PDB file of N, CA and C in Angstrom:
ATOM      1  N   MET A   1       0.837  -1.163  -0.053  1.00  0.00           N
ATOM      2  CA  MET A   1       0.105   0.009   0.026  1.00  0.00           C
ATOM      3  C   MET A   1       0.882   1.202  -0.020  1.00  0.00           C
ATOM      4  N   CYS A   2       1.925   1.377   0.767  1.00  0.00           N
ATOM      5  CA  CYS A   2       2.888   2.475   0.810  1.00  0.00           C
ATOM      6  C   CYS A   2       3.425   2.630  -0.634  1.00  0.00           C
ATOM      7  N   SER A   3       3.761   1.758  -1.339  1.00  0.00           N
ATOM      8  CA  SER A   3       4.257   1.808  -2.683  1.00  0.00           C
ATOM      9  C   SER A   3       3.182   2.422  -3.498  1.00  0.00           C
ATOM     10  N   GLY A   4       2.191   2.026  -3.327  1.00  0.00           N
ATOM     11  CA  GLY A   4       0.953   2.424  -4.208  1.00  0.00           C
ATOM     12  C   GLY A   4       0.654   4.086  -3.964  1.00  0.00           C
ATOM     13  N   LEU A   5       1.020   4.438  -2.577  1.00  0.00           N
ATOM     14  CA  LEU A   5       0.688   5.792  -2.278  1.00  0.00           C
ATOM     15  C   LEU A   5       2.020   6.693  -2.836  1.00  0.00           C
ATOM     16  N   ARG A   6       2.956   6.011  -2.852  1.00  0.00           N
ATOM     17  CA  ARG A   6       4.234   6.756  -3.304  1.00  0.00           C
ATOM     18  C   ARG A   6       4.010   6.911  -4.904  1.00  0.00           C
ATOM     19  N   ASP A   7       3.713   5.785  -5.553  1.00  0.00           N
ATOM     20  CA  ASP A   7       3.498   5.979  -6.931  1.00  0.00           C
ATOM     21  C   ASP A   7       2.457   6.964  -7.426  1.00  0.00           C
ATOM     22  N   ALA A   8       1.313   7.112  -6.521  1.00  0.00           N
ATOM     23  CA  ALA A   8       0.255   7.979  -6.858  1.00  0.00           C
ATOM     24  C   ALA A   8       0.857   9.527  -6.715  1.00  0.00           C
ATOM     25  N   ILE A   9       1.668   9.600  -5.606  1.00  0.00           N
ATOM     26  CA  ILE A   9       2.158  10.957  -5.346  1.00  0.00           C
ATOM     27  C   ILE A   9       3.259  11.233  -6.408  1.00  0.00           C
ATOM     28  N   ASN A  10       4.100  10.237  -6.896  1.00  0.00           N
ATOM     29  CA  ASN A  10       5.051  10.677  -8.019  1.00  0.00           C
ATOM     30  C   ASN A  10       4.344  10.979  -9.297  1.00  0.00           C
ATOM     31  N   LEU A  11       3.218  10.316  -9.620  1.00  0.00           N
ATOM     32  CA  LEU A  11       2.545  10.647 -10.856  1.00  0.00           C
ATOM     33  C   LEU A  11       1.603  11.874 -10.750  1.00  0.00           C
ATOM     34  N   SER A  12       1.137  12.162  -9.562  1.00  0.00           N
ATOM     35  CA  SER A  12       0.074  13.228  -9.452  1.00  0.00           C
ATOM     36  C   SER A  12       0.657  14.547  -9.751  1.00  0.00           C
ATOM     37  N   TRP A  13       2.038  14.853  -9.226  1.00  0.00           N
ATOM     38  CA  TRP A  13       2.579  16.246  -9.519  1.00  0.00           C
ATOM     39  C   TRP A  13       2.837  16.273 -10.926  1.00  0.00           C
ATOM     40  N   LYS A  14       3.319  15.162 -11.497  1.00  0.00           N
ATOM     41  CA  LYS A  14       3.782  15.042 -12.942  1.00  0.00           C
ATOM     42  C   LYS A  14       2.469  15.323 -13.901  1.00  0.00           C
ATOM     43  N   PHE A  15       1.423  14.730 -13.630  1.00  0.00           N
ATOM     44  CA  PHE A  15       0.116  14.885 -14.415  1.00  0.00           C
ATOM     45  C   PHE A  15      -0.215  16.341 -14.229  1.00  0.00           C
ATOM     46  N   ASP A  16      -0.012  16.965 -13.096  1.00  0.00           N
ATOM     47  CA  ASP A  16      -0.587  18.478 -12.826  1.00  0.00           C
ATOM     48  C   ASP A  16       0.263  19.274 -13.785  1.00  0.00           C
ATOM     49  N   LEU A  17       1.706  19.072 -13.749  1.00  0.00           N
ATOM     50  CA  LEU A  17       2.382  19.913 -14.594  1.00  0.00           C
ATOM     51  C   LEU A  17       2.266  19.857 -16.048  1.00  0.00           C
ATOM     52  N   VAL A  18       1.904  18.435 -16.562  1.00  0.00           N
ATOM     53  CA  VAL A  18       1.729  18.147 -17.838  1.00  0.00           C
ATOM     54  C   VAL A  18       0.479  18.628 -18.269  1.00  0.00           C
ATOM     55  N   LEU A  19      -0.543  18.450 -17.483  1.00  0.00           N
ATOM     56  CA  LEU A  19      -2.056  18.890 -17.930  1.00  0.00           C
ATOM     57  C   LEU A  19      -2.082  20.361 -17.916  1.00  0.00           C
ATOM     58  N   SER A  20      -1.411  21.086 -17.162  1.00  0.00           N
ATOM     59  CA  SER A  20      -1.456  22.572 -17.098  1.00  0.00           C
ATOM     60  C   SER A  20      -0.568  23.085 -18.019  1.00  0.00           C
ATOM     61  N   GLY A  21       0.284  22.378 -18.758  1.00  0.00           N
ATOM     62  CA  GLY A  21       1.194  22.928 -20.012  1.00  0.00           C
ATOM     63  C   GLY A  21       2.367  23.182 -19.347  1.00  0.00           C
ATOM     64  N   LYS A  22       2.919  23.104 -18.223  1.00  0.00           N
ATOM     65  CA  LYS A  22       3.993  23.685 -17.697  1.00  0.00           C
ATOM     66  C   LYS A  22       5.200  22.734 -17.899  1.00  0.00           C
ATOM     67  N   ALA A  23       4.867  21.449 -18.335  1.00  0.00           N
ATOM     68  CA  ALA A  23       5.954  20.460 -18.641  1.00  0.00           C
ATOM     69  C   ALA A  23       5.549  19.680 -19.816  1.00  0.00           C
ATOM     70  N   GLU A  24       6.450  19.088 -20.460  1.00  0.00           N
ATOM     71  CA  GLU A  24       6.368  18.181 -21.830  1.00  0.00           C
ATOM     72  C   GLU A  24       5.713  16.857 -21.224  1.00  0.00           C
ATOM     73  N   ASP A  25       5.034  16.251 -22.128  1.00  0.00           N
ATOM     74  CA  ASP A  25       4.437  14.781 -21.861  1.00  0.00           C
ATOM     75  C   ASP A  25       5.606  13.952 -21.362  1.00  0.00           C
ATOM     76  N   SER A  26       6.898  14.147 -21.761  1.00  0.00           N
ATOM     77  CA  SER A  26       8.088  13.342 -21.573  1.00  0.00           C
ATOM     78  C   SER A  26       8.435  13.306 -20.093  1.00  0.00           C
ATOM     79  N   LEU A  27       7.826  14.160 -19.265  1.00  0.00           N
ATOM     80  CA  LEU A  27       8.022  14.167 -17.785  1.00  0.00           C
ATOM     81  C   LEU A  27       7.600  12.779 -17.258  1.00  0.00           C
ATOM     82  N   LEU A  28       6.462  12.340 -17.829  1.00  0.00           N
ATOM     83  CA  LEU A  28       5.792  11.257 -17.315  1.00  0.00           C
ATOM     84  C   LEU A  28       6.691   9.812 -17.646  1.00  0.00           C
ATOM     85  N   ASP A  29       7.611  10.045 -18.486  1.00  0.00           N
ATOM     86  CA  ASP A  29       8.563   8.940 -18.844  1.00  0.00           C
ATOM     87  C   ASP A  29       9.733   8.674 -17.667  1.00  0.00           C
ATOM     88  N   THR A  30       9.709   9.702 -16.729  1.00  0.00           N
ATOM     89  CA  THR A  30      10.750   9.465 -15.854  1.00  0.00           C
ATOM     90  C   THR A  30      10.147   8.742 -14.443  1.00  0.00           C
ATOM     91  N   TYR A  31       8.925   8.374 -14.647  1.00  0.00           N
ATOM     92  CA  TYR A  31       8.109   7.502 -13.504  1.00  0.00           C
ATOM     93  C   TYR A  31       8.934   6.213 -13.143  1.00  0.00           C
ATOM     94  N   THR A  32       9.191   5.503 -14.370  1.00  0.00           N
ATOM     95  CA  THR A  32       9.730   4.242 -14.179  1.00  0.00           C
ATOM     96  C   THR A  32      11.074   4.295 -13.554  1.00  0.00           C
ATOM     97  N   THR A  33      12.001   5.127 -14.103  1.00  0.00           N
ATOM     98  CA  THR A  33      13.238   5.393 -13.545  1.00  0.00           C
ATOM     99  C   THR A  33      13.335   5.692 -12.128  1.00  0.00           C
ATOM    100  N   GLU A  34      12.361   6.600 -11.681  1.00  0.00           N
ATOM    101  CA  GLU A  34      12.432   7.008 -10.311  1.00  0.00           C
ATOM    102  C   GLU A  34      11.924   5.952  -9.293  1.00  0.00           C
ATOM    103  N   ARG A  35      10.924   5.313  -9.758  1.00  0.00           N
ATOM    104  CA  ARG A  35      10.225   4.318  -8.894  1.00  0.00           C
ATOM    105  C   ARG A  35      10.553   2.929  -8.850  1.00  0.00           C
ATOM    106  N   CYS A  36      11.224   2.525  -9.974  1.00  0.00           N
ATOM    107  CA  CYS A  36      11.685   0.991 -10.123  1.00  0.00           C
ATOM    108  C   CYS A  36      12.502   0.409  -8.892  1.00  0.00           C
ATOM    109  N   GLN A  37      13.549   1.458  -8.550  1.00  0.00           N
ATOM    110  CA  GLN A  37      14.481   0.658  -7.345  1.00  0.00           C
ATOM    111  C   GLN A  37      13.745   0.680  -6.055  1.00  0.00           C
ATOM    112  N   HIS A  38      12.859   1.661  -5.809  1.00  0.00           N
ATOM    113  CA  HIS A  38      12.063   1.651  -4.636  1.00  0.00           C
ATOM    114  C   HIS A  38      11.098   0.522  -4.576  1.00  0.00           C
ATOM    115  N   LEU A  39      10.411   0.249  -5.772  1.00  0.00           N
ATOM    116  CA  LEU A  39       9.478  -0.736  -5.708  1.00  0.00           C
ATOM    117  C   LEU A  39      10.047  -2.268  -5.714  1.00  0.00           C
ATOM    118  N   GLN A  40      11.355  -2.452  -6.520  1.00  0.00           N
ATOM    119  CA  GLN A  40      12.203  -3.631  -6.249  1.00  0.00           C
ATOM    120  C   GLN A  40      12.572  -3.715  -4.814  1.00  0.00           C
ATOM    121  N   HIS A  41      13.059  -2.677  -4.089  1.00  0.00           N
ATOM    122  CA  HIS A  41      13.489  -2.915  -2.802  1.00  0.00           C
ATOM    123  C   HIS A  41      12.405  -3.359  -1.904  1.00  0.00           C
ATOM    124  N   ALA A  42      11.107  -2.664  -2.106  1.00  0.00           N
ATOM    125  CA  ALA A  42       9.888  -3.055  -1.354  1.00  0.00           C
ATOM    126  C   ALA A  42       9.559  -4.506  -1.528  1.00  0.00           C
ATOM    127  N   ILE A  43       9.581  -4.973  -2.721  1.00  0.00           N
ATOM    128  CA  ILE A  43       9.417  -6.416  -3.027  1.00  0.00           C
ATOM    129  C   ILE A  43      10.241  -7.262  -2.296  1.00  0.00           C
ATOM    130  N   GLU A  44      11.478  -6.993  -2.430  1.00  0.00           N
ATOM    131  CA  GLU A  44      12.532  -7.908  -1.878  1.00  0.00           C
ATOM    132  C   GLU A  44      12.461  -7.893  -0.404  1.00  0.00           C
ATOM    133  N   LYS A  45      12.271  -6.713   0.304  1.00  0.00           N
ATOM    134  CA  LYS A  45      11.858  -6.667   1.687  1.00  0.00           C
ATOM    135  C   LYS A  45      10.835  -7.399   2.267  1.00  0.00           C
ATOM    136  N   SER A  46       9.810  -7.357   1.435  1.00  0.00           N
ATOM    137  CA  SER A  46       8.410  -8.019   1.731  1.00  0.00           C
ATOM    138  C   SER A  46       8.631  -9.570   1.711  1.00  0.00           C
ATOM    139  N   VAL A  47       9.292 -10.134   0.617  1.00  0.00           N
ATOM    140  CA  VAL A  47       9.604 -11.374   0.592  1.00  0.00           C
ATOM    141  C   VAL A  47      10.503 -11.900   1.758  1.00  0.00           C
ATOM    142  N   GLY A  48      11.528 -11.106   2.052  1.00  0.00           N
ATOM    143  CA  GLY A  48      12.465 -11.436   3.082  1.00  0.00           C
ATOM    144  C   GLY A  48      11.794 -11.422   4.403  1.00  0.00           C
ATOM    145  N   LEU A  49      11.013 -10.496   4.808  1.00  0.00           N
ATOM    146  CA  LEU A  49      10.063 -10.365   6.002  1.00  0.00           C
ATOM    147  C   LEU A  49       9.025 -11.589   5.977  1.00  0.00           C
ATOM    148  N   GLY A  50       8.451 -11.859   5.002  1.00  0.00           N
ATOM    149  CA  GLY A  50       7.675 -12.980   4.941  1.00  0.00           C
ATOM    150  C   GLY A  50       8.435 -14.460   5.485  1.00  0.00           C
ATOM    151  N   ARG A  51       9.591 -14.492   4.879  1.00  0.00           N
ATOM    152  CA  ARG A  51      10.380 -15.707   5.285  1.00  0.00           C
ATOM    153  C   ARG A  51      10.739 -15.735   6.906  1.00  0.00           C
ATOM    154  N   VAL A  52      11.041 -14.638   7.322  1.00  0.00           N
ATOM    155  CA  VAL A  52      11.259 -14.383   8.725  1.00  0.00           C
ATOM    156  C   VAL A  52      10.013 -14.628   9.595  1.00  0.00           C
ATOM    157  N   ILE A  53       8.896 -14.024   9.151  1.00  0.00           N
ATOM    158  CA  ILE A  53       7.780 -13.948   9.848  1.00  0.00           C
ATOM    159  C   ILE A  53       7.034 -15.347   9.894  1.00  0.00           C
ATOM    160  N   CYS A  54       7.135 -15.987   8.832  1.00  0.00           N
ATOM    161  CA  CYS A  54       6.354 -17.304   8.512  1.00  0.00           C
ATOM    162  C   CYS A  54       7.352 -18.546   8.875  1.00  0.00           C
ATOM    163  N   GLU A  55       7.954 -18.421   9.913  1.00  0.00           N
ATOM    164  CA  GLU A  55       8.842 -19.570  10.373  1.00  0.00           C
ATOM    165  C   GLU A  55       7.993 -20.625  11.048  1.00  0.00           C
ATOM    166  N   PRO A  56       7.906 -21.707  10.353  1.00  0.00           N
ATOM    167  CA  PRO A  56       6.994 -22.964  10.929  1.00  0.00           C
ATOM    168  C   PRO A  56       7.634 -23.817  12.073  1.00  0.00           C
ATOM    169  N   ASP A  57       8.929 -23.697  12.359  1.00  0.00           N
ATOM    170  CA  ASP A  57       9.555 -24.539  13.351  1.00  0.00           C
ATOM    171  C   ASP A  57       9.498 -23.611  14.480  1.00  0.00           C
ATOM    172  N   PRO A  58       8.808 -24.225  15.605  1.00  0.00           N
ATOM    173  CA  PRO A  58       8.943 -23.369  16.923  1.00  0.00           C
ATOM    174  C   PRO A  58      10.402 -23.099  17.470  1.00  0.00           C
ATOM    175  N   ALA A  59      11.243 -23.997  17.421  1.00  0.00           N
ATOM    176  CA  ALA A  59      12.529 -23.722  17.944  1.00  0.00           C
ATOM    177  C   ALA A  59      13.180 -22.683  17.012  1.00  0.00           C
ATOM    178  N   ALA A  60      13.323 -22.762  15.810  1.00  0.00           N
ATOM    179  CA  ALA A  60      13.731 -21.849  14.930  1.00  0.00           C
ATOM    180  C   ALA A  60      13.110 -20.369  15.171  1.00  0.00           C
ATOM    181  N   ALA A  61      11.904 -20.233  15.436  1.00  0.00           N
ATOM    182  CA  ALA A  61      11.236 -18.891  15.680  1.00  0.00           C
ATOM    183  C   ALA A  61      11.610 -18.509  17.087  1.00  0.00           C
ATOM    184  N   ALA A  62      11.768 -19.411  17.957  1.00  0.00           N
ATOM    185  CA  ALA A  62      12.268 -18.730  19.265  1.00  0.00           C
ATOM    186  C   ALA A  62      13.577 -18.335  19.248  1.00  0.00           C
ATOM    187  N   GLU A  63      14.530 -18.891  18.315  1.00  0.00           N
ATOM    188  CA  GLU A  63      15.842 -18.510  18.180  1.00  0.00           C
ATOM    189  C   GLU A  63      15.852 -17.096  17.541  1.00  0.00           C
ATOM    190  N   ARG A  64      15.029 -16.938  16.463  1.00  0.00           N
ATOM    191  CA  ARG A  64      14.794 -15.683  15.710  1.00  0.00           C
ATOM    192  C   ARG A  64      14.309 -14.752  16.598  1.00  0.00           C
ATOM    193  N   ASP A  65      13.551 -14.908  17.506  1.00  0.00           N
ATOM    194  CA  ASP A  65      12.842 -13.865  18.358  1.00  0.00           C
ATOM    195  C   ASP A  65      13.942 -13.485  19.349  1.00  0.00           C
ATOM    196  N   ALA A  66      14.789 -14.372  19.911  1.00  0.00           N
ATOM    197  CA  ALA A  66      15.778 -14.012  20.748  1.00  0.00           C
ATOM    198  C   ALA A  66      16.764 -13.229  20.187  1.00  0.00           C
ATOM    199  N   ARG A  67      17.329 -13.630  18.963  1.00  0.00           N
ATOM    200  CA  ARG A  67      18.243 -12.777  18.162  1.00  0.00           C
ATOM    201  C   ARG A  67      17.705 -11.344  17.895  1.00  0.00           C
ATOM    202  N   MET A  68      16.464 -11.300  17.538  1.00  0.00           N
ATOM    203  CA  MET A  68      15.872  -9.977  17.195  1.00  0.00           C
ATOM    204  C   MET A  68      15.848  -9.169  18.448  1.00  0.00           C
ATOM    205  N   ILE A  69      15.445  -9.688  19.456  1.00  0.00           N
ATOM    206  CA  ILE A  69      15.409  -8.877  20.838  1.00  0.00           C
ATOM    207  C   ILE A  69      16.724  -8.448  21.214  1.00  0.00           C
ATOM    208  N   ALA A  70      17.777  -9.292  21.131  1.00  0.00           N
ATOM    209  CA  ALA A  70      19.302  -8.960  21.463  1.00  0.00           C
ATOM    210  C   ALA A  70      19.567  -7.801  20.461  1.00  0.00           C
ATOM    211  N   ASP A  71      19.373  -7.930  19.320  1.00  0.00           N
ATOM    212  CA  ASP A  71      19.822  -6.835  18.321  1.00  0.00           C
ATOM    213  C   ASP A  71      19.286  -5.392  18.837  1.00  0.00           C
ATOM    214  N   GLN A  72      17.816  -5.510  19.093  1.00  0.00           N
ATOM    215  CA  GLN A  72      17.188  -4.425  19.366  1.00  0.00           C
ATOM    216  C   GLN A  72      17.779  -3.722  20.571  1.00  0.00           C
ATOM    217  N   GLN A  73      18.046  -4.383  21.662  1.00  0.00           N
ATOM    218  CA  GLN A  73      18.538  -4.116  22.793  1.00  0.00           C
ATOM    219  C   GLN A  73      19.917  -3.557  22.696  1.00  0.00           C
ATOM    220  N   ALA A  74      20.680  -4.083  21.780  1.00  0.00           N
ATOM    221  CA  ALA A  74      22.083  -3.548  21.404  1.00  0.00           C
ATOM    222  C   ALA A  74      22.219  -2.641  20.495  1.00  0.00           C
ATOM    223  N   GLY A  75      20.879  -2.038  20.032  1.00  0.00           N
ATOM    224  CA  GLY A  75      20.891  -0.694  19.283  1.00  0.00           C
ATOM    225  C   GLY A  75      21.392  -1.157  17.978  1.00  0.00           C
ATOM    226  N   ARG A  76      21.409  -2.418  17.393  1.00  0.00           N
ATOM    227  CA  ARG A  76      21.802  -2.649  16.199  1.00  0.00           C
ATOM    228  C   ARG A  76      20.942  -2.480  15.076  1.00  0.00           C
ATOM    229  N   VAL A  77      21.247  -1.878  13.982  1.00  0.00           N
ATOM    230  CA  VAL A  77      20.283  -1.423  13.028  1.00  0.00           C
ATOM    231  C   VAL A  77      20.019  -2.474  11.934  1.00  0.00           C
ATOM    232  N   PRO A  78      18.835  -2.797  11.449  1.00  0.00           N
ATOM    233  CA  PRO A  78      18.742  -3.851  10.561  1.00  0.00           C
ATOM    234  C   PRO A  78      19.434  -3.608   9.220  1.00  0.00           C
ATOM    235  N   GLN A  79      19.899  -4.659   8.561  1.00  0.00           N
ATOM    236  CA  GLN A  79      20.647  -4.391   7.385  1.00  0.00           C
ATOM    237  C   GLN A  79      19.577  -4.213   6.069  1.00  0.00           C
ATOM    238  N   GLY A  80      20.014  -3.458   5.156  1.00  0.00           N
ATOM    239  CA  GLY A  80      19.149  -3.364   3.825  1.00  0.00           C
ATOM    240  C   GLY A  80      18.227  -1.946   4.118  1.00  0.00           C
ATOM    241  N   ALA A  81      18.785  -1.045   4.734  1.00  0.00           N
ATOM    242  CA  ALA A  81      17.916   0.312   4.807  1.00  0.00           C
ATOM    243  C   ALA A  81      17.394   0.580   3.402  1.00  0.00           C
ATOM    244  N   ALA A  82      16.248   1.340   3.411  1.00  0.00           N
ATOM    245  CA  ALA A  82      15.611   1.659   2.102  1.00  0.00           C
ATOM    246  C   ALA A  82      16.491   2.545   1.409  1.00  0.00           C
ATOM    247  N   PRO A  83      16.577   2.473  -0.030  1.00  0.00           N
ATOM    248  CA  PRO A  83      17.354   3.484  -0.736  1.00  0.00           C
ATOM    249  C   PRO A  83      16.849   4.835  -0.648  1.00  0.00           C
ATOM    250  N   GLN A  84      17.699   5.735  -0.962  1.00  0.00           N
ATOM    251  CA  GLN A  84      17.449   7.210  -0.806  1.00  0.00           C
ATOM    252  C   GLN A  84      16.319   7.598  -2.046  1.00  0.00           C
ATOM    253  N   PRO A  85      15.552   8.394  -1.738  1.00  0.00           N
ATOM    254  CA  PRO A  85      14.574   8.916  -2.685  1.00  0.00           C
ATOM    255  C   PRO A  85      15.346   9.528  -3.768  1.00  0.00           C
ATOM    256  N   VAL A  86      14.790   9.362  -4.971  1.00  0.00           N
ATOM    257  CA  VAL A  86      15.097  10.028  -6.316  1.00  0.00           C
ATOM    258  C   VAL A  86      14.420  11.550  -6.370  1.00  0.00           C
ATOM    259  N   PRO A  87      15.237  12.469  -6.396  1.00  0.00           N
ATOM    260  CA  PRO A  87      14.609  13.753  -6.537  1.00  0.00           C
ATOM    261  C   PRO A  87      13.544  13.648  -7.730  1.00  0.00           C
ATOM    262  N   MET A  88      12.452  14.553  -7.375  1.00  0.00           N
ATOM    263  CA  MET A  88      11.348  14.804  -8.354  1.00  0.00           C
ATOM    264  C   MET A  88      11.904  15.396  -9.666  1.00  0.00           C
ATOM    265  N   ALA A  89      12.304  14.674 -10.626  1.00  0.00           N
ATOM    266  CA  ALA A  89      12.919  15.353 -11.795  1.00  0.00           C
ATOM    267  C   ALA A  89      11.890  16.424 -12.361  1.00  0.00           C
ATOM    268  N   GLY A  90      12.477  17.600 -12.799  1.00  0.00           N
ATOM    269  CA  GLY A  90      11.561  18.572 -13.498  1.00  0.00           C
ATOM    270  C   GLY A  90      10.941  19.429 -12.376  1.00  0.00           C
ATOM    271  N   LEU A  91      10.853  19.025 -11.304  1.00  0.00           N
ATOM    272  CA  LEU A  91       9.807  19.966 -10.412  1.00  0.00           C
ATOM    273  C   LEU A  91      10.461  21.276 -10.080  1.00  0.00           C
ATOM    274  N   ALA A  92      11.736  21.254  -9.822  1.00  0.00           N
ATOM    275  CA  ALA A  92      12.347  22.579  -9.553  1.00  0.00           C
ATOM    276  C   ALA A  92      12.328  23.546 -10.724  1.00  0.00           C
ATOM    277  N   GLU A  93      12.411  23.033 -12.045  1.00  0.00           N
ATOM    278  CA  GLU A  93      12.602  23.813 -13.182  1.00  0.00           C
ATOM    279  C   GLU A  93      11.125  24.185 -13.569  1.00  0.00           C
ATOM    280  N   HIS A  94      10.161  23.550 -13.193  1.00  0.00           N
ATOM    281  CA  HIS A  94       8.697  23.940 -13.393  1.00  0.00           C
ATOM    282  C   HIS A  94       7.897  24.512 -12.239  1.00  0.00           C
ATOM    283  N   SER A  95       8.542  24.776 -11.145  1.00  0.00           N
ATOM    284  CA  SER A  95       7.834  25.294  -9.839  1.00  0.00           C
ATOM    285  C   SER A  95       7.723  26.759 -10.024  1.00  0.00           C
ATOM    286  N   ASP A  96       6.526  27.198  -9.432  1.00  0.00           N
ATOM    287  CA  ASP A  96       6.206  28.559  -9.529  1.00  0.00           C
ATOM    288  C   ASP A  96       6.800  29.261  -8.272  1.00  0.00           C
ATOM    289  N   ALA A  97       7.477  28.460  -7.407  1.00  0.00           N
ATOM    290  CA  ALA A  97       8.140  29.123  -6.332  1.00  0.00           C
ATOM    291  C   ALA A  97       9.433  29.810  -6.497  1.00  0.00           C
TER     292      ALA A  97
END
């Protein structure tokens, strides 16, 4: 759902600029470049979390839980943080501000 909201936000300001005549239609072509890396990251993380959360072996689940609690208490940051957002291409050059 979060990716869907980000997609809608990414497209909405572009549609606004294109439909108001402030930007060329080609601005819409930047959508895939800007969102692809983030969407791929979200899919990979969702699959990975599914593997962690859906542990069928009670002993392995208990080991996982203990490891996660220890990491949290030690202040360790999970690996694979989200990629940095891509700047909204064309926004600055078409802004009224």
